[in-house]
């Protein structure tokens, strides 16, 4: 199999960036990062362990301002 072209990689990166702008994904991604920070791992599918709510809200706010 050949290496993907730079143009294809740029196109796919653009699509990923568009998905990241989705508010539901942003909230989920922020939650996952805070979960990893607190518990040392990303959450499993049904993980109900608590996270630092203030850190989560601060991160979410910061991310929304940077979009």
PDB file of N, CA and C in Angstrom:
ATOM      1  N   UNK A   1       0.844  -1.186   0.000  1.00  0.00           N
ATOM      2  CA  UNK A   1       0.000   0.000   0.000  1.00  0.00           C
ATOM      3  C   UNK A   1       0.884   1.241   0.000  1.00  0.00           C
ATOM      4  N   UNK A   2       0.512   2.235  -0.769  1.00  0.00           N
ATOM      5  CA  UNK A   2       1.311   3.446  -0.869  1.00  0.00           C
ATOM      6  C   UNK A   2       0.947   4.424   0.239  1.00  0.00           C
ATOM      7  N   UNK A   3       1.872   5.308   0.522  1.00  0.00           N
ATOM      8  CA  UNK A   3       1.616   6.348   1.524  1.00  0.00           C
ATOM      9  C   UNK A   3       0.554   7.311   1.021  1.00  0.00           C
ATOM     10  N   UNK A   4      -0.303   7.807   1.920  1.00  0.00           N
ATOM     11  CA  UNK A   4      -1.314   8.778   1.486  1.00  0.00           C
ATOM     12  C   UNK A   4      -0.645  10.088   1.066  1.00  0.00           C
ATOM     13  N   UNK A   5      -1.265  10.742   0.112  1.00  0.00           N
ATOM     14  CA  UNK A   5      -0.716  12.010  -0.367  1.00  0.00           C
ATOM     15  C   UNK A   5      -0.924  13.099   0.677  1.00  0.00           C
ATOM     16  N   UNK A   6      -0.126  14.136   0.579  1.00  0.00           N
ATOM     17  CA  UNK A   6      -0.256  15.277   1.483  1.00  0.00           C
ATOM     18  C   UNK A   6      -1.627  15.926   1.330  1.00  0.00           C
ATOM     19  N   UNK A   7      -2.127  15.963   0.108  1.00  0.00           N
ATOM     20  CA  UNK A   7      -3.432  16.569  -0.157  1.00  0.00           C
ATOM     21  C   UNK A   7      -4.543  15.788   0.554  1.00  0.00           C
ATOM     22  N   UNK A   8      -4.477  14.468   0.492  1.00  0.00           N
ATOM     23  CA  UNK A   8      -5.467  13.642   1.174  1.00  0.00           C
ATOM     24  C   UNK A   8      -5.389  13.855   2.681  1.00  0.00           C
ATOM     25  N   UNK A   9      -4.192  13.898   3.199  1.00  0.00           N
ATOM     26  CA  UNK A   9      -4.029  14.116   4.640  1.00  0.00           C
ATOM     27  C   UNK A   9      -4.598  15.464   5.070  1.00  0.00           C
ATOM     28  N   UNK A  10      -4.378  16.494   4.263  1.00  0.00           N
ATOM     29  CA  UNK A  10      -4.926  17.817   4.571  1.00  0.00           C
ATOM     30  C   UNK A  10      -6.451  17.789   4.555  1.00  0.00           C
ATOM     31  N   UNK A  11      -7.023  17.087   3.577  1.00  0.00           N
ATOM     32  CA  UNK A  11      -8.477  16.990   3.461  1.00  0.00           C
ATOM     33  C   UNK A  11      -9.060  16.281   4.681  1.00  0.00           C
ATOM     34  N   UNK A  12      -8.471  15.166   5.061  1.00  0.00           N
ATOM     35  CA  UNK A  12      -8.968  14.420   6.209  1.00  0.00           C
ATOM     36  C   UNK A  12      -8.798  15.207   7.509  1.00  0.00           C
ATOM     37  N   UNK A  13      -7.709  15.927   7.638  1.00  0.00           N
ATOM     38  CA  UNK A  13      -7.488  16.756   8.821  1.00  0.00           C
ATOM     39  C   UNK A  13      -8.555  17.846   8.920  1.00  0.00           C
ATOM     40  N   UNK A  14      -8.942  18.389   7.773  1.00  0.00           N
ATOM     41  CA  UNK A  14      -9.989  19.403   7.743  1.00  0.00           C
ATOM     42  C   UNK A  14     -11.320  18.825   8.194  1.00  0.00           C
ATOM     43  N   UNK A  15     -11.616  17.596   7.772  1.00  0.00           N
ATOM     44  CA  UNK A  15     -12.856  16.942   8.191  1.00  0.00           C
ATOM     45  C   UNK A  15     -12.864  16.667   9.692  1.00  0.00           C
ATOM     46  N   UNK A  16     -11.733  16.257  10.226  1.00  0.00           N
ATOM     47  CA  UNK A  16     -11.627  16.028  11.668  1.00  0.00           C
ATOM     48  C   UNK A  16     -11.845  17.334  12.411  1.00  0.00           C
ATOM     49  N   UNK A  17     -11.262  18.410  11.918  1.00  0.00           N
ATOM     50  CA  UNK A  17     -11.436  19.719  12.561  1.00  0.00           C
ATOM     51  C   UNK A  17     -12.901  20.127  12.557  1.00  0.00           C
ATOM     52  N   UNK A  18     -13.623  19.831  11.492  1.00  0.00           N
ATOM     53  CA  UNK A  18     -15.052  20.149  11.434  1.00  0.00           C
ATOM     54  C   UNK A  18     -15.825  19.355  12.489  1.00  0.00           C
ATOM     55  N   UNK A  19     -15.482  18.092  12.657  1.00  0.00           N
ATOM     56  CA  UNK A  19     -16.148  17.274  13.675  1.00  0.00           C
ATOM     57  C   UNK A  19     -15.883  17.807  15.073  1.00  0.00           C
ATOM     58  N   UNK A  20     -14.698  18.287  15.313  1.00  0.00           N
ATOM     59  CA  UNK A  20     -14.333  18.797  16.631  1.00  0.00           C
ATOM     60  C   UNK A  20     -15.107  20.059  16.982  1.00  0.00           C
ATOM     61  N   UNK A  21     -15.630  20.742  16.001  1.00  0.00           N
ATOM     62  CA  UNK A  21     -16.394  21.961  16.275  1.00  0.00           C
ATOM     63  C   UNK A  21     -17.811  21.647  16.734  1.00  0.00           C
ATOM     64  N   UNK A  22     -18.224  20.415  16.611  1.00  0.00           N
ATOM     65  CA  UNK A  22     -19.544  19.991  17.070  1.00  0.00           C
ATOM     66  C   UNK A  22     -19.578  20.097  18.589  1.00  0.00           C
ATOM     67  N   UNK A  23     -20.542  20.829  19.121  1.00  0.00           N
ATOM     68  CA  UNK A  23     -20.597  21.082  20.564  1.00  0.00           C
ATOM     69  C   UNK A  23     -20.694  19.796  21.382  1.00  0.00           C
ATOM     70  N   UNK A  24     -21.439  18.798  20.907  1.00  0.00           N
ATOM     71  CA  UNK A  24     -21.564  17.545  21.640  1.00  0.00           C
ATOM     72  C   UNK A  24     -20.207  16.861  21.749  1.00  0.00           C
ATOM     73  N   UNK A  25     -19.446  16.861  20.663  1.00  0.00           N
ATOM     74  CA  UNK A  25     -18.115  16.270  20.705  1.00  0.00           C
ATOM     75  C   UNK A  25     -17.188  17.083  21.587  1.00  0.00           C
ATOM     76  N   UNK A  26     -17.311  18.373  21.549  1.00  0.00           N
ATOM     77  CA  UNK A  26     -16.466  19.228  22.378  1.00  0.00           C
ATOM     78  C   UNK A  26     -16.704  18.923  23.850  1.00  0.00           C
ATOM     79  N   UNK A  27     -17.954  18.840  24.239  1.00  0.00           N
ATOM     80  CA  UNK A  27     -18.276  18.541  25.631  1.00  0.00           C
ATOM     81  C   UNK A  27     -17.755  17.159  26.018  1.00  0.00           C
ATOM     82  N   UNK A  28     -17.961  16.198  25.164  1.00  0.00           N
ATOM     83  CA  UNK A  28     -17.502  14.831  25.438  1.00  0.00           C
ATOM     84  C   UNK A  28     -15.977  14.784  25.513  1.00  0.00           C
ATOM     85  N   UNK A  29     -15.317  15.435  24.565  1.00  0.00           N
ATOM     86  CA  UNK A  29     -13.853  15.420  24.557  1.00  0.00           C
ATOM     87  C   UNK A  29     -13.277  16.106  25.791  1.00  0.00           C
ATOM     88  N   UNK A  30     -13.885  17.204  26.208  1.00  0.00           N
ATOM     89  CA  UNK A  30     -13.430  17.876  27.427  1.00  0.00           C
ATOM     90  C   UNK A  30     -13.620  16.971  28.637  1.00  0.00           C
ATOM     91  N   UNK A  31     -14.776  16.311  28.699  1.00  0.00           N
ATOM     92  CA  UNK A  31     -15.051  15.395  29.806  1.00  0.00           C
ATOM     93  C   UNK A  31     -14.036  14.264  29.837  1.00  0.00           C
ATOM     94  N   UNK A  32     -13.725  13.702  28.658  1.00  0.00           N
ATOM     95  CA  UNK A  32     -12.766  12.594  28.590  1.00  0.00           C
ATOM     96  C   UNK A  32     -11.379  13.024  29.047  1.00  0.00           C
ATOM     97  N   UNK A  33     -10.965  14.217  28.656  1.00  0.00           N
ATOM     98  CA  UNK A  33      -9.630  14.710  29.032  1.00  0.00           C
ATOM     99  C   UNK A  33      -9.559  14.951  30.537  1.00  0.00           C
ATOM    100  N   UNK A  34     -10.610  15.529  31.101  1.00  0.00           N
ATOM    101  CA  UNK A  34     -10.627  15.763  32.552  1.00  0.00           C
ATOM    102  C   UNK A  34     -10.670  14.426  33.292  1.00  0.00           C
ATOM    103  N   UNK A  35     -11.407  13.462  32.780  1.00  0.00           N
ATOM    104  CA  UNK A  35     -11.461  12.125  33.382  1.00  0.00           C
ATOM    105  C   UNK A  35     -10.069  11.510  33.378  1.00  0.00           C
ATOM    106  N   UNK A  36      -9.385  11.604  32.261  1.00  0.00           N
ATOM    107  CA  UNK A  36      -8.037  11.060  32.180  1.00  0.00           C
ATOM    108  C   UNK A  36      -7.105  11.760  33.169  1.00  0.00           C
ATOM    109  N   UNK A  37      -7.245  13.057  33.285  1.00  0.00           N
ATOM    110  CA  UNK A  37      -6.407  13.824  34.209  1.00  0.00           C
ATOM    111  C   UNK A  37      -6.624  13.350  35.649  1.00  0.00           C
ATOM    112  N   UNK A  38      -7.877  13.139  36.024  1.00  0.00           N
ATOM    113  CA  UNK A  38      -8.193  12.753  37.409  1.00  0.00           C
ATOM    114  C   UNK A  38      -7.911  11.284  37.701  1.00  0.00           C
ATOM    115  N   UNK A  39      -8.241  10.395  36.764  1.00  0.00           N
ATOM    116  CA  UNK A  39      -8.171   8.962  37.024  1.00  0.00           C
ATOM    117  C   UNK A  39      -7.012   8.255  36.312  1.00  0.00           C
ATOM    118  N   UNK A  40      -6.279   8.983  35.488  1.00  0.00           N
ATOM    119  CA  UNK A  40      -5.120   8.396  34.826  1.00  0.00           C
ATOM    120  C   UNK A  40      -5.437   7.570  33.596  1.00  0.00           C
ATOM    121  N   UNK A  41      -6.701   7.570  33.164  1.00  0.00           N
ATOM    122  CA  UNK A  41      -7.087   6.823  31.969  1.00  0.00           C
ATOM    123  C   UNK A  41      -8.372   7.407  31.404  1.00  0.00           C
ATOM    124  N   UNK A  42      -8.571   7.175  30.104  1.00  0.00           N
ATOM    125  CA  UNK A  42      -9.823   7.588  29.499  1.00  0.00           C
ATOM    126  C   UNK A  42     -10.944   6.715  30.053  1.00  0.00           C
ATOM    127  N   UNK A  43     -12.167   7.228  30.087  1.00  0.00           N
ATOM    128  CA  UNK A  43     -13.268   6.454  30.650  1.00  0.00           C
ATOM    129  C   UNK A  43     -13.655   5.272  29.758  1.00  0.00           C
ATOM    130  N   UNK A  44     -14.148   4.216  30.411  1.00  0.00           N
ATOM    131  CA  UNK A  44     -14.714   3.097  29.658  1.00  0.00           C
ATOM    132  C   UNK A  44     -16.139   3.473  29.251  1.00  0.00           C
ATOM    133  N   UNK A  45     -16.792   2.613  28.543  1.00  0.00           N
ATOM    134  CA  UNK A  45     -18.111   2.940  27.978  1.00  0.00           C
ATOM    135  C   UNK A  45     -19.133   3.356  29.036  1.00  0.00           C
ATOM    136  N   UNK A  46     -19.156   2.675  30.167  1.00  0.00           N
ATOM    137  CA  UNK A  46     -20.153   2.970  31.195  1.00  0.00           C
ATOM    138  C   UNK A  46     -19.513   3.501  32.475  1.00  0.00           C
ATOM    139  N   UNK A  47     -18.435   4.221  32.341  1.00  0.00           N
ATOM    140  CA  UNK A  47     -17.689   4.738  33.486  1.00  0.00           C
ATOM    141  C   UNK A  47     -18.474   5.858  34.160  1.00  0.00           C
ATOM    142  N   UNK A  48     -18.753   5.716  35.452  1.00  0.00           N
ATOM    143  CA  UNK A  48     -19.545   6.719  36.168  1.00  0.00           C
ATOM    144  C   UNK A  48     -18.730   7.393  37.278  1.00  0.00           C
ATOM    145  N   UNK A  49     -17.415   7.210  37.256  1.00  0.00           N
ATOM    146  CA  UNK A  49     -16.592   7.866  38.271  1.00  0.00           C
ATOM    147  C   UNK A  49     -16.695   9.381  38.126  1.00  0.00           C
ATOM    148  N   UNK A  50     -16.616  10.046  39.264  1.00  0.00           N
ATOM    149  CA  UNK A  50     -16.734  11.502  39.266  1.00  0.00           C
ATOM    150  C   UNK A  50     -15.493  12.150  38.675  1.00  0.00           C
ATOM    151  N   UNK A  51     -15.702  13.356  38.143  1.00  0.00           N
ATOM    152  CA  UNK A  51     -14.597  14.166  37.653  1.00  0.00           C
ATOM    153  C   UNK A  51     -14.631  15.501  38.386  1.00  0.00           C
ATOM    154  N   UNK A  52     -13.606  16.298  38.213  1.00  0.00           N
ATOM    155  CA  UNK A  52     -13.545  17.643  38.780  1.00  0.00           C
ATOM    156  C   UNK A  52     -14.436  18.547  37.934  1.00  0.00           C
ATOM    157  N   UNK A  53     -15.632  18.823  38.432  1.00  0.00           N
ATOM    158  CA  UNK A  53     -16.627  19.593  37.677  1.00  0.00           C
ATOM    159  C   UNK A  53     -16.127  20.996  37.335  1.00  0.00           C
ATOM    160  N   UNK A  54     -15.450  21.636  38.271  1.00  0.00           N
ATOM    161  CA  UNK A  54     -14.942  22.993  38.017  1.00  0.00           C
ATOM    162  C   UNK A  54     -13.896  22.988  36.910  1.00  0.00           C
ATOM    163  N   UNK A  55     -13.021  22.003  36.943  1.00  0.00           N
ATOM    164  CA  UNK A  55     -12.002  21.883  35.898  1.00  0.00           C
ATOM    165  C   UNK A  55     -12.656  21.622  34.546  1.00  0.00           C
ATOM    166  N   UNK A  56     -13.649  20.737  34.534  1.00  0.00           N
ATOM    167  CA  UNK A  56     -14.369  20.438  33.302  1.00  0.00           C
ATOM    168  C   UNK A  56     -15.019  21.700  32.730  1.00  0.00           C
ATOM    169  N   UNK A  57     -15.730  22.447  33.564  1.00  0.00           N
ATOM    170  CA  UNK A  57     -16.419  23.651  33.086  1.00  0.00           C
ATOM    171  C   UNK A  57     -15.432  24.727  32.638  1.00  0.00           C
ATOM    172  N   UNK A  58     -14.316  24.854  33.347  1.00  0.00           N
ATOM    173  CA  UNK A  58     -13.296  25.832  32.955  1.00  0.00           C
ATOM    174  C   UNK A  58     -12.684  25.452  31.613  1.00  0.00           C
ATOM    175  N   UNK A  59     -12.389  24.154  31.437  1.00  0.00           N
ATOM    176  CA  UNK A  59     -11.819  23.692  30.175  1.00  0.00           C
ATOM    177  C   UNK A  59     -12.815  23.880  29.038  1.00  0.00           C
ATOM    178  N   UNK A  60     -14.061  23.533  29.268  1.00  0.00           N
ATOM    179  CA  UNK A  60     -15.093  23.690  28.252  1.00  0.00           C
ATOM    180  C   UNK A  60     -15.255  25.155  27.852  1.00  0.00           C
ATOM    181  N   UNK A  61     -15.271  26.033  28.829  1.00  0.00           N
ATOM    182  CA  UNK A  61     -15.384  27.467  28.553  1.00  0.00           C
ATOM    183  C   UNK A  61     -14.187  27.966  27.755  1.00  0.00           C
ATOM    184  N   UNK A  62     -13.000  27.551  28.158  1.00  0.00           N
ATOM    185  CA  UNK A  62     -11.775  27.971  27.469  1.00  0.00           C
ATOM    186  C   UNK A  62     -11.788  27.487  26.025  1.00  0.00           C
ATOM    187  N   UNK A  63     -12.210  26.238  25.817  1.00  0.00           N
ATOM    188  CA  UNK A  63     -12.263  25.696  24.466  1.00  0.00           C
ATOM    189  C   UNK A  63     -13.297  26.425  23.602  1.00  0.00           C
ATOM    190  N   UNK A  64     -14.434  26.735  24.180  1.00  0.00           N
ATOM    191  CA  UNK A  64     -15.459  27.447  23.407  1.00  0.00           C
ATOM    192  C   UNK A  64     -14.992  28.841  23.011  1.00  0.00           C
ATOM    193  N   UNK A  65     -14.239  29.480  23.874  1.00  0.00           N
ATOM    194  CA  UNK A  65     -13.716  30.816  23.542  1.00  0.00           C
ATOM    195  C   UNK A  65     -12.657  30.760  22.462  1.00  0.00           C
ATOM    196  N   UNK A  66     -11.959  29.643  22.387  1.00  0.00           N
ATOM    197  CA  UNK A  66     -10.880  29.532  21.391  1.00  0.00           C
ATOM    198  C   UNK A  66     -11.383  29.097  20.019  1.00  0.00           C
ATOM    199  N   UNK A  67     -12.660  28.713  19.915  1.00  0.00           N
ATOM    200  CA  UNK A  67     -13.201  28.306  18.605  1.00  0.00           C
ATOM    201  C   UNK A  67     -13.532  29.478  17.737  1.00  0.00           C
TER     202      UNK A  67
END
